[in-house]
Protein backbone atom coordinates (compact mmCIF):
# COMPACT_ATOMS: atom_id res chain seq x y z
CA UNK A 1 30.28 -42.02 -33.00
CA UNK A 2 30.42 -39.68 -29.98
CA UNK A 3 27.21 -38.19 -28.62
CA UNK A 4 26.45 -34.74 -29.92
CA UNK A 5 27.13 -31.96 -27.40
CA UNK A 6 24.28 -29.80 -26.38
CA UNK A 7 24.40 -26.34 -27.69
CA UNK A 8 24.40 -23.38 -25.25
CA UNK A 9 20.94 -22.57 -26.13
CA UNK A 10 19.85 -26.19 -25.20
CA UNK A 11 21.68 -25.87 -21.95
CA UNK A 12 19.74 -22.67 -21.13
CA UNK A 13 16.39 -24.41 -21.92
CA UNK A 14 17.36 -27.33 -19.67
CA UNK A 15 18.34 -25.00 -16.88
CA UNK A 16 15.23 -23.19 -17.11
CA UNK A 17 13.22 -26.33 -17.01
CA UNK A 18 15.20 -27.51 -13.89
CA UNK A 19 14.64 -24.12 -12.18
CA UNK A 20 11.23 -23.10 -13.65
CA UNK A 21 9.45 -23.57 -10.28
CA UNK A 22 12.09 -21.43 -8.47
CA UNK A 23 11.04 -17.97 -7.52
CA UNK A 24 13.22 -15.89 -5.18
CA UNK A 25 11.77 -13.66 -2.52
CA UNK A 26 9.39 -14.27 0.09
CA UNK A 27 5.93 -15.85 -0.38
CA UNK A 28 3.13 -13.91 1.11
CA UNK A 29 1.83 -14.66 4.60
CA UNK A 30 -0.93 -12.56 6.31
CA UNK A 31 0.78 -10.72 9.27
CA UNK A 32 -0.38 -12.14 12.62
CA UNK A 33 -0.24 -8.70 14.13
CA UNK A 34 -3.30 -7.76 11.87
CA UNK A 35 -5.28 -10.66 12.78
CA UNK A 36 -5.23 -10.75 16.52
CA UNK A 37 -8.60 -9.08 17.06
CA UNK A 38 -11.25 -10.15 19.30
CA UNK A 39 -13.65 -12.69 17.80
CA UNK A 40 -16.57 -10.35 18.40
CA UNK A 41 -17.39 -6.72 18.43
CA UNK A 42 -19.73 -7.02 21.43
CA UNK A 43 -17.70 -8.12 24.47
CA UNK A 44 -19.59 -10.64 26.55
CA UNK A 45 -22.32 -11.37 24.06
CA UNK A 46 -23.19 -14.83 22.84
CA UNK A 47 -21.37 -16.03 19.78
CA UNK A 48 -23.48 -16.48 16.75
CA UNK A 49 -23.80 -19.91 15.20
CA UNK A 50 -23.80 -18.36 11.76
CA UNK A 51 -22.10 -15.63 9.93
CA UNK A 52 -24.28 -12.71 8.85
CA UNK A 53 -23.84 -11.78 5.16
CA UNK A 54 -23.14 -8.23 3.97
CA UNK A 55 -25.53 -6.37 1.83
CA UNK A 56 -24.01 -3.93 -0.76
CA UNK A 57 -27.19 -1.87 -1.27
CA UNK A 58 -27.48 -1.12 2.52
CA UNK A 59 -28.96 2.39 1.84
CA UNK A 60 -32.28 0.65 0.72
CA UNK A 61 -32.90 -0.38 4.20
CA UNK A 62 -34.17 3.08 4.93
CA UNK A 63 -37.11 2.40 2.84
CA UNK A 64 -36.94 5.79 0.85
CA UNK A 65 -37.15 5.70 -2.93
CA UNK A 66 -35.88 9.30 -3.21
CA UNK A 67 -32.69 8.27 -1.35
CA UNK A 68 -32.26 5.13 -3.51
CA UNK A 69 -32.50 7.22 -6.61
CA UNK A 70 -29.98 9.89 -5.28
CA UNK A 71 -27.35 7.12 -4.33
CA UNK A 72 -27.77 5.49 -7.67
CA UNK A 73 -27.19 8.82 -9.62
CA UNK A 74 -24.28 9.56 -7.39
CA UNK A 75 -22.61 6.26 -8.17
CA UNK A 76 -23.12 6.70 -11.94
CA UNK A 77 -22.14 10.26 -12.27
CA UNK A 78 -19.73 11.10 -9.60
CA UNK A 79 -16.36 12.31 -10.79
CA UNK A 80 -14.56 10.20 -8.01
CA UNK A 81 -16.28 7.11 -9.15
CA UNK A 82 -15.64 7.53 -12.72
CA UNK A 83 -11.87 8.20 -11.87
CA UNK A 84 -11.91 5.01 -9.78
CA UNK A 85 -13.39 3.13 -12.62
CA UNK A 86 -10.57 4.52 -14.89
CA UNK A 87 -8.02 3.38 -12.45
CA UNK A 88 -9.15 -0.13 -12.76
CA UNK A 89 -8.78 -0.02 -16.50
CA UNK A 90 -5.45 1.17 -16.10
CA UNK A 91 -4.43 -1.53 -13.73
CA UNK A 92 -5.89 -4.17 -16.23
CA UNK A 93 -3.60 -2.64 -18.85
CA UNK A 94 -0.58 -2.89 -16.65
CA UNK A 95 -1.28 -6.67 -16.05
CA UNK A 96 -1.26 -7.14 -19.71
CA UNK A 97 1.93 -5.23 -20.19
CA UNK A 98 3.65 -7.20 -17.44
CA UNK A 99 2.32 -10.52 -18.63
CA UNK A 100 3.66 -9.84 -21.94
CA UNK A 101 7.19 -10.15 -20.72
CA UNK A 102 6.56 -13.74 -19.98
CA UNK A 103 6.33 -14.48 -23.75
CA UNK A 104 8.84 -14.19 -26.57
CA UNK A 105 8.84 -10.81 -28.25
CA UNK A 106 8.85 -11.57 -32.16
CA UNK A 107 9.49 -8.77 -34.67
CA UNK A 108 9.40 -8.75 -38.41
CA UNK A 109 11.93 -7.02 -40.48
CA UNK A 110 12.19 -6.21 -44.05
CA UNK A 111 14.95 -4.40 -45.73
CA UNK A 112 16.24 -3.64 -49.23
CA UNK A 113 19.36 -1.82 -50.41
CA UNK A 114 20.67 -0.60 -53.80
CA UNK A 115 24.29 0.58 -53.53
CA UNK A 116 27.48 1.42 -55.54
CA UNK A 117 31.04 0.48 -54.53
CA UNK A 118 33.87 2.78 -55.40
CA UNK A 119 36.37 1.39 -58.12
CA UNK A 120 38.98 3.93 -57.52
CA UNK A 121 40.11 3.05 -54.04
CA UNK A 122 43.61 1.80 -52.93
CA UNK A 123 42.31 -1.68 -53.45
CA UNK A 124 40.07 -1.40 -56.63
CA UNK A 125 37.62 -4.13 -57.24
CA UNK A 126 38.22 -6.54 -60.16
CA UNK A 127 36.42 -5.72 -63.33
CA UNK A 128 34.31 -8.89 -62.97
CA UNK A 129 32.75 -7.81 -59.68
CA UNK A 130 29.78 -5.46 -60.23
CA UNK A 131 30.01 -2.13 -58.72
CA UNK A 132 26.34 -1.60 -58.30
CA UNK A 133 24.81 -4.04 -55.75
CA UNK A 134 21.28 -5.05 -54.76
CA UNK A 135 20.35 -6.74 -51.51
CA UNK A 136 16.87 -7.79 -49.97
CA UNK A 137 16.20 -9.31 -46.57
CA UNK A 138 13.15 -10.53 -44.83
CA UNK A 139 13.39 -11.96 -41.31
CA UNK A 140 11.64 -12.86 -38.04
CA UNK A 141 13.78 -11.99 -35.01
CA UNK A 142 12.96 -13.02 -31.39
CA UNK A 143 14.32 -12.30 -28.06
CA UNK A 144 13.25 -14.13 -24.77
CA UNK A 145 14.38 -13.80 -21.18
CA UNK A 146 14.17 -16.87 -19.23
CA UNK A 147 12.46 -16.42 -16.01
CA UNK A 148 14.77 -18.70 -14.03
CA UNK A 149 14.62 -16.83 -10.70
CA UNK A 150 10.90 -15.71 -10.97
CA UNK A 151 11.45 -12.03 -11.57
CA UNK A 152 8.80 -11.93 -14.16
CA UNK A 153 6.52 -14.11 -12.14
CA UNK A 154 6.89 -11.92 -9.07
CA UNK A 155 6.30 -8.74 -11.15
CA UNK A 156 3.06 -10.44 -12.65
CA UNK A 157 2.11 -11.14 -9.04
CA UNK A 158 2.50 -7.58 -7.91
CA UNK A 159 0.71 -6.28 -11.03
CA UNK A 160 -2.35 -8.69 -10.37
CA UNK A 161 -2.47 -7.66 -6.63
CA UNK A 162 -2.37 -3.99 -7.61
CA UNK A 163 -5.09 -4.59 -10.11
CA UNK A 164 -7.35 -6.17 -7.54
CA UNK A 165 -6.47 -3.41 -5.15
CA UNK A 166 -7.75 -0.96 -7.70
CA UNK A 167 -11.02 -2.68 -7.74
CA UNK A 168 -11.25 -2.51 -3.96
CA UNK A 169 -10.30 1.12 -4.22
CA UNK A 170 -13.16 1.71 -6.53
CA UNK A 171 -15.52 -0.30 -4.09
CA UNK A 172 -14.12 2.18 -1.29
CA UNK A 173 -14.94 5.22 -3.16
CA UNK A 174 -18.44 3.83 -4.04
CA UNK A 175 -19.09 3.07 -0.31
CA UNK A 176 -17.84 6.54 0.56
CA UNK A 177 -20.06 8.22 -1.90
CA UNK A 178 -23.13 6.18 -0.88
CA UNK A 179 -22.27 7.16 2.67
CA UNK A 180 -21.94 10.91 1.99
CA UNK A 181 -25.09 10.95 -0.05
CA UNK A 182 -27.08 9.13 2.64
CA UNK A 183 -25.82 11.43 5.45
CA UNK A 184 -26.53 14.27 3.53
CA UNK A 185 -30.16 13.11 2.82
CA UNK A 186 -30.72 12.31 6.40
CA UNK A 187 -29.38 15.87 7.21
CA UNK A 188 -31.90 17.28 4.82
CA UNK A 189 -34.80 15.24 6.29
CA UNK A 190 -33.76 16.27 9.76
CA UNK A 191 -33.88 19.93 8.72
CA UNK A 192 -37.45 19.20 7.34
CA UNK A 193 -38.52 17.81 10.56
CA UNK A 194 -37.07 20.70 12.57
CA UNK A 195 -38.73 23.01 10.27
CA UNK A 196 -42.05 21.48 10.74
CA UNK A 197 -41.55 21.63 14.60
CA UNK A 198 -40.46 25.18 14.53
CA UNK A 199 -43.20 26.06 12.16
CA UNK A 200 -45.69 24.59 14.55
CA UNK A 201 -44.11 26.70 17.42
CA UNK A 202 -44.31 29.83 15.28
CA UNK A 203 -48.05 29.14 14.63
CA UNK A 204 -48.64 28.69 18.30
CA UNK A 205 -46.62 31.81 19.17
CA UNK A 206 -48.87 33.66 16.58
CA UNK A 207 -51.89 32.46 18.63
CA UNK A 208 -50.48 33.31 21.81
CA UNK A 209 -49.60 36.76 20.76
CA UNK A 210 -53.09 37.40 19.39
CA UNK A 211 -54.63 36.10 22.60
CA UNK A 212 -52.32 38.08 24.76
CA UNK A 213 -53.17 41.29 22.70
CA UNK A 214 -56.82 40.65 23.28
CA UNK A 215 -56.23 40.14 26.90
CA UNK A 216 -54.30 43.43 27.15
CA UNK A 217 -56.88 45.27 25.21
CA UNK A 218 -59.42 43.88 27.75
CA UNK A 219 -57.20 45.03 30.68
CA UNK A 220 -56.50 41.51 31.80
CA UNK A 221 -52.89 41.18 30.61
CA UNK A 222 -50.04 43.69 30.87
CA UNK A 223 -47.86 45.40 28.11
CA UNK A 224 -44.97 43.24 29.50
CA UNK A 225 -46.94 40.07 28.35
CA UNK A 226 -47.48 41.41 24.95
CA UNK A 227 -43.82 42.40 24.51
CA UNK A 228 -42.66 38.90 25.75
CA UNK A 229 -45.03 37.07 23.32
CA UNK A 230 -43.82 39.28 20.38
CA UNK A 231 -40.21 38.68 21.30
CA UNK A 232 -40.71 34.97 21.50
CA UNK A 233 -42.51 34.93 18.08
CA UNK A 234 -39.70 36.86 16.47
CA UNK A 235 -36.96 34.45 17.92
CA UNK A 236 -39.00 31.41 16.54
CA UNK A 237 -39.38 33.25 13.08
CA UNK A 238 -35.65 33.84 12.96
CA UNK A 239 -34.93 30.28 13.83
CA UNK A 240 -37.24 29.29 10.82
CA UNK A 241 -35.32 31.46 8.41
CA UNK A 242 -31.94 29.97 9.52
CA UNK A 243 -33.54 26.39 9.02
CA UNK A 244 -34.66 27.40 5.52
CA UNK A 245 -31.01 28.51 4.86
CA UNK A 246 -29.60 25.29 6.03
CA UNK A 247 -31.86 23.26 4.11
CA UNK A 248 -31.10 25.00 0.85
CA UNK A 249 -27.39 24.40 1.42
CA UNK A 250 -28.03 20.79 2.24
CA UNK A 251 -29.99 20.56 -1.00
CA UNK A 252 -27.05 22.16 -2.99
CA UNK A 253 -24.75 19.54 -1.30
CA UNK A 254 -26.77 16.72 -2.54
CA UNK A 255 -27.00 18.26 -6.10
CA UNK A 256 -23.16 18.44 -6.09
CA UNK A 257 -22.77 14.83 -4.91
CA UNK A 258 -25.17 13.41 -7.48
CA UNK A 259 -23.89 15.56 -10.33
CA UNK A 260 -27.16 17.69 -10.65
CA UNK A 261 -26.57 21.18 -9.84
CA UNK A 262 -29.70 23.13 -8.95
CA UNK A 263 -31.29 19.94 -7.64
CA UNK A 264 -34.66 20.39 -6.00
CA UNK A 265 -36.14 17.78 -3.36
CA UNK A 266 -39.67 17.95 -2.09
CA UNK A 267 -39.99 18.30 1.67
CA UNK A 268 -40.23 15.38 3.83
CA UNK A 269 -39.86 14.34 7.46
CA UNK A 270 -37.02 12.43 9.18
CA UNK A 271 -39.57 10.91 11.49
CA UNK A 272 -41.21 8.88 8.58
CA UNK A 273 -37.88 7.15 7.97
CA UNK A 274 -37.64 3.59 9.62
CA UNK A 275 -34.82 2.54 11.76
CA UNK A 276 -32.59 0.13 9.99
CA UNK A 277 -32.24 -3.26 11.73
CA UNK A 278 -30.03 -3.50 14.68
CA UNK A 279 -27.09 -5.89 14.29
CA UNK A 280 -27.41 -9.09 16.18
CA UNK A 281 -25.37 -9.73 19.42
CA UNK A 282 -22.01 -11.30 18.93
CA UNK A 283 -21.22 -9.89 15.51
CA UNK A 284 -18.09 -11.51 14.51
CA UNK A 285 -14.97 -9.30 13.66
CA UNK A 286 -14.37 -11.38 10.59
CA UNK A 287 -16.97 -9.03 8.89
CA UNK A 288 -14.22 -6.57 8.67
CA UNK A 289 -12.79 -8.57 5.86
CA UNK A 290 -15.56 -7.36 3.65
CA UNK A 291 -14.44 -3.72 3.99
CA UNK A 292 -12.78 -2.88 0.55
CA UNK A 293 -10.24 -0.55 2.11
CA UNK A 294 -8.95 -3.37 4.33
CA UNK A 295 -8.75 -5.61 1.29
CA UNK A 296 -7.07 -2.93 -0.68
CA UNK A 297 -4.47 -2.40 2.02
CA UNK A 298 -3.76 -6.34 2.04
CA UNK A 299 -3.47 -6.37 -1.89
CA UNK A 300 -1.01 -3.43 -1.41
CA UNK A 301 0.92 -5.66 1.01
CA UNK A 302 0.93 -8.67 -1.36
CA UNK A 303 2.28 -6.39 -4.24
CA UNK A 304 5.02 -4.99 -1.93
CA UNK A 305 5.98 -8.53 -0.82
CA UNK A 306 6.28 -9.57 -4.60
CA UNK A 307 8.32 -6.73 -5.45
CA UNK A 308 11.05 -8.03 -3.01
CA UNK A 309 11.17 -10.89 -5.26
CA UNK A 310 11.75 -8.72 -8.39
CA UNK A 311 14.61 -6.87 -6.69
CA UNK A 312 16.21 -9.95 -5.38
CA UNK A 313 16.08 -11.69 -8.85
CA UNK A 314 18.21 -8.77 -10.23
CA UNK A 315 21.09 -10.18 -8.02
CA UNK A 316 21.24 -13.51 -10.06
CA UNK A 317 22.32 -14.19 -13.53
CA UNK A 318 20.06 -13.21 -16.37
CA UNK A 319 19.54 -15.71 -19.22
CA UNK A 320 18.43 -14.52 -22.69
CA UNK A 321 17.67 -16.43 -25.76
CA UNK A 322 17.75 -14.79 -29.24
CA UNK A 323 17.05 -15.96 -32.77
CA UNK A 324 16.23 -15.07 -36.16
CA UNK A 325 15.08 -16.72 -39.37
CA UNK A 326 14.51 -15.37 -42.66
CA UNK A 327 15.54 -14.90 -46.33
CA UNK A 328 18.28 -12.77 -47.96
CA UNK A 329 19.25 -12.52 -51.62
CA UNK A 330 20.49 -9.96 -54.07
CA UNK A 331 17.65 -10.66 -56.35
CA UNK A 332 13.97 -10.61 -55.25
CA UNK A 333 13.22 -13.48 -57.70
CA UNK A 334 15.55 -15.65 -55.46
CA UNK A 335 14.44 -14.39 -52.06
CA UNK A 336 12.25 -17.36 -51.20
CA UNK A 337 14.46 -19.96 -52.59
CA UNK A 338 16.17 -22.58 -50.36
CA UNK A 339 19.77 -21.11 -50.63
CA UNK A 340 18.50 -17.72 -49.46
CA UNK A 341 17.36 -19.02 -46.12
CA UNK A 342 19.24 -17.41 -43.06
CA UNK A 343 18.99 -18.26 -39.40
CA UNK A 344 20.72 -17.86 -36.08
CA UNK A 345 20.19 -19.07 -32.43
CA UNK A 346 21.98 -17.53 -29.55
CA UNK A 347 21.94 -17.48 -25.80
CA UNK A 348 23.48 -15.04 -23.29
CA UNK A 349 24.05 -14.86 -19.65
CA UNK A 350 24.53 -11.71 -17.74
CA UNK A 351 25.77 -11.70 -14.26
CA UNK A 352 26.20 -8.50 -12.17
CA UNK A 353 29.80 -8.28 -11.05
CA UNK A 354 30.29 -4.74 -9.56
CA UNK A 355 27.71 -2.16 -9.31
CA UNK A 356 28.64 -0.38 -6.16
CA UNK A 357 25.87 -2.02 -4.00
CA UNK A 358 23.08 -0.58 -6.21
CA UNK A 359 21.14 -3.82 -6.43
CA UNK A 360 21.27 -4.78 -2.84
CA UNK A 361 20.39 -1.15 -1.82
CA UNK A 362 17.21 -1.76 -4.14
CA UNK A 363 16.39 -5.06 -2.31
CA UNK A 364 16.76 -3.19 1.02
CA UNK A 365 14.68 -0.35 -0.39
CA UNK A 366 11.77 -2.50 -1.37
CA UNK A 367 12.02 -4.57 1.92
CA UNK A 368 11.68 -1.45 3.93
CA UNK A 369 8.59 -0.26 1.86
CA UNK A 370 7.12 -3.73 2.48
CA UNK A 371 7.37 -3.21 6.03
CA UNK A 372 5.63 0.39 5.77
CA UNK A 373 2.97 -1.27 3.78
CA UNK A 374 2.50 -3.96 6.42
CA UNK A 375 2.02 -1.41 9.20
CA UNK A 376 -0.49 0.47 7.03
CA UNK A 377 -2.46 -2.81 6.75
CA UNK A 378 -2.40 -3.30 10.35
CA UNK A 379 -3.51 0.27 10.85
CA UNK A 380 -6.34 -0.24 8.44
CA UNK A 381 -7.47 -3.34 10.30
CA UNK A 382 -7.24 -1.77 13.77
CA UNK A 383 -8.97 1.50 12.38
CA UNK A 384 -11.79 -0.62 11.03
CA UNK A 385 -12.26 -2.39 14.29
CA UNK A 386 -12.45 0.92 16.20
CA UNK A 387 -14.93 2.47 13.72
CA UNK A 388 -17.27 -0.49 14.05
CA UNK A 389 -17.14 -0.37 17.93
CA UNK A 390 -17.61 3.28 17.83
CA UNK A 391 -20.70 2.88 15.40
CA UNK A 392 -22.21 0.06 17.64
CA UNK A 393 -21.74 2.21 20.78
CA UNK A 394 -23.61 5.18 19.24
CA UNK A 395 -26.27 2.96 18.03
CA UNK A 396 -26.75 1.60 21.62
CA UNK A 397 -26.60 5.09 23.22
CA UNK A 398 -28.87 6.73 20.78
CA UNK A 399 -31.44 3.97 21.30
CA UNK A 400 -31.47 4.48 25.02
CA UNK A 401 -31.34 8.36 24.67
CA UNK A 402 -34.40 8.21 22.39
CA UNK A 403 -36.48 6.49 25.13
CA UNK A 404 -35.47 9.23 27.60
CA UNK A 405 -35.89 12.06 25.04
CA UNK A 406 -39.47 10.70 24.25
CA UNK A 407 -40.35 10.99 27.94
CA UNK A 408 -38.87 14.48 28.10
CA UNK A 409 -40.87 15.55 25.06
CA UNK A 410 -44.25 14.17 26.44
CA UNK A 411 -43.54 15.85 29.73
CA UNK A 412 -42.59 19.26 28.08
CA UNK A 413 -45.97 18.91 26.04
CA UNK A 414 -48.01 18.19 29.20
CA UNK A 415 -46.06 21.13 30.95
CA UNK A 416 -46.95 23.49 28.16
CA UNK A 417 -50.65 22.69 28.35
CA UNK A 418 -50.71 23.22 32.15
CA UNK A 419 -48.82 26.50 31.82
CA UNK A 420 -51.32 27.80 29.31
CA UNK A 421 -54.21 26.80 31.36
CA UNK A 422 -52.80 28.45 34.53
CA UNK A 423 -52.08 31.68 32.49
CA UNK A 424 -55.67 31.67 30.90
CA UNK A 425 -57.09 31.24 34.48
CA UNK A 426 -54.97 34.20 35.81
CA UNK A 427 -52.92 31.77 38.22
CA UNK A 428 -49.40 32.42 36.78
CA UNK A 429 -47.65 35.04 34.59
CA UNK A 430 -47.07 34.66 30.86
CA UNK A 431 -43.34 34.03 31.62
CA UNK A 432 -44.27 30.53 32.53
CA UNK A 433 -46.05 29.97 29.34
CA UNK A 434 -42.94 31.35 27.34
CA UNK A 435 -40.62 28.98 29.38
CA UNK A 436 -42.92 26.01 28.78
CA UNK A 437 -43.07 26.85 25.02
CA UNK A 438 -39.38 27.02 24.75
CA UNK A 439 -38.95 23.81 26.60
CA UNK A 440 -41.37 21.90 24.40
CA UNK A 441 -39.67 23.27 21.18
CA UNK A 442 -36.23 22.38 22.55
CA UNK A 443 -37.42 18.90 23.51
CA UNK A 444 -38.89 18.25 20.14
CA UNK A 445 -35.74 19.47 18.39
CA UNK A 446 -33.62 17.40 20.66
CA UNK A 447 -35.57 14.22 20.00
CA UNK A 448 -35.20 14.85 16.10
CA UNK A 449 -31.36 15.41 16.34
CA UNK A 450 -31.04 12.23 18.41
CA UNK A 451 -33.03 10.47 15.79
CA UNK A 452 -30.70 11.84 13.21
CA UNK A 453 -27.70 10.77 15.10
CA UNK A 454 -29.23 7.30 15.50
CA UNK A 455 -29.74 6.97 11.87
CA UNK A 456 -26.16 8.42 11.01
CA UNK A 457 -24.74 5.84 13.36
CA UNK A 458 -26.59 3.19 11.30
CA UNK A 459 -24.75 4.55 8.16
CA UNK A 460 -21.48 4.65 10.07
CA UNK A 461 -21.88 1.02 11.07
CA UNK A 462 -22.86 0.01 7.36
CA UNK A 463 -19.68 1.78 6.13
CA UNK A 464 -17.50 0.49 8.93
CA UNK A 465 -18.46 -3.17 7.91
CA UNK A 466 -18.08 -2.46 4.27
CA UNK A 467 -21.78 -2.88 3.65
CA UNK A 468 -24.66 -3.86 5.80
CA UNK A 469 -25.56 -7.04 7.42
CA UNK A 470 -28.32 -9.69 6.85
CA UNK A 471 -29.34 -12.76 8.91
CA UNK A 472 -28.32 -15.60 6.69
CA UNK A 473 -30.72 -17.83 8.45
CA UNK A 474 -33.55 -15.67 7.76
CA UNK A 475 -32.65 -15.21 4.21
CA UNK A 476 -32.41 -18.93 3.90
CA UNK A 477 -35.93 -19.25 5.22
CA UNK A 478 -37.21 -16.56 3.11
CA UNK A 479 -35.01 -16.20 0.03
């Protein structure tokens, strides 16, 4: 007996088994151009013997419960955060849809007909043949595309990368929201501190005006001294009103960010907030990998790389298996008997022959798109490195400037005391007192503004690193 010949369906299955591990298109490799960064952010500093970890709740380092509550509300209520979460759900659904193509599609069909055939045609039916017929059919049908060239696997790879990217996108939105709320809160507290300083200056100017008026009434001071004191007081009062307006607008912005229009926040003082910990010397540039936007850019590149394989697989033959199994009978009573069974198996191969270069154009198109996404990823890495270095520089300069501004503030306060004493003793005109008051007020405001900039630089660094940083050695010692 000669051996049985394999059927076309069996040949297709054997071919799929032989080529099952084949997937056309390039496998993803991280571009070297996006990884040639310096090992550390601070040039010339000692390299760390450990890798600082990243804290996601970096805003808690400011030690302010009001800020913690505001950030929590914003992350829960912000339309941007909720939209990003919905994108994650959409991406998960896309994965399920793409993965479904890797499995056979099985459909159930049921049909019944009751028909009559004409007996007056050119070829009438014999009288023994019934003119009225019944037919019932119940079957399962399936169609399955063999993933010989890895088209479906590459599509699944792209979908999974995009789904992961949507999660990084959600984290990017959350990081941005936390940064905006924190910066807005710091601005509010800076305005509170400036208002306290300005209010103290207003109170001092009011006392000076009263004293000058008394001296004028006693014939010691001139009318010019009184007018100068009154003008200085009015200027400070106008500045106080401007600060009140700015604070109300900052409060409205926070209410918008946290989803609570009409939000009211009790007054505080920026000077009460602690300075977050300074990053250690030799901070490794590998921390940039924690940035969600950098990770999202890389997942976009992975997805674009996989789509090249999908486009290339369309150039190769497509193999499809089909089949059906069921029952068919003229009588329902015989539908489930053995003679009523029906089945069919089939296989088909489709090979593009001529399509005017459309398929190769699609390959060139997705390849060019992959190059664009690769450059976007490289740009994201370089941008992250620049933002981190800028934030570190701002932190360093802010710390140095605070020492200088502290000396200037102390000197201005002493100068004001001396000018007031000289004026009270009749040794100098009132203009010296006004100048000293203005210098002291400006020095206090400059100190507050620099402190705000220093704290804002901390926020920028947290965001640039995708979170915060913690000494892993200290955490191990004090878990």
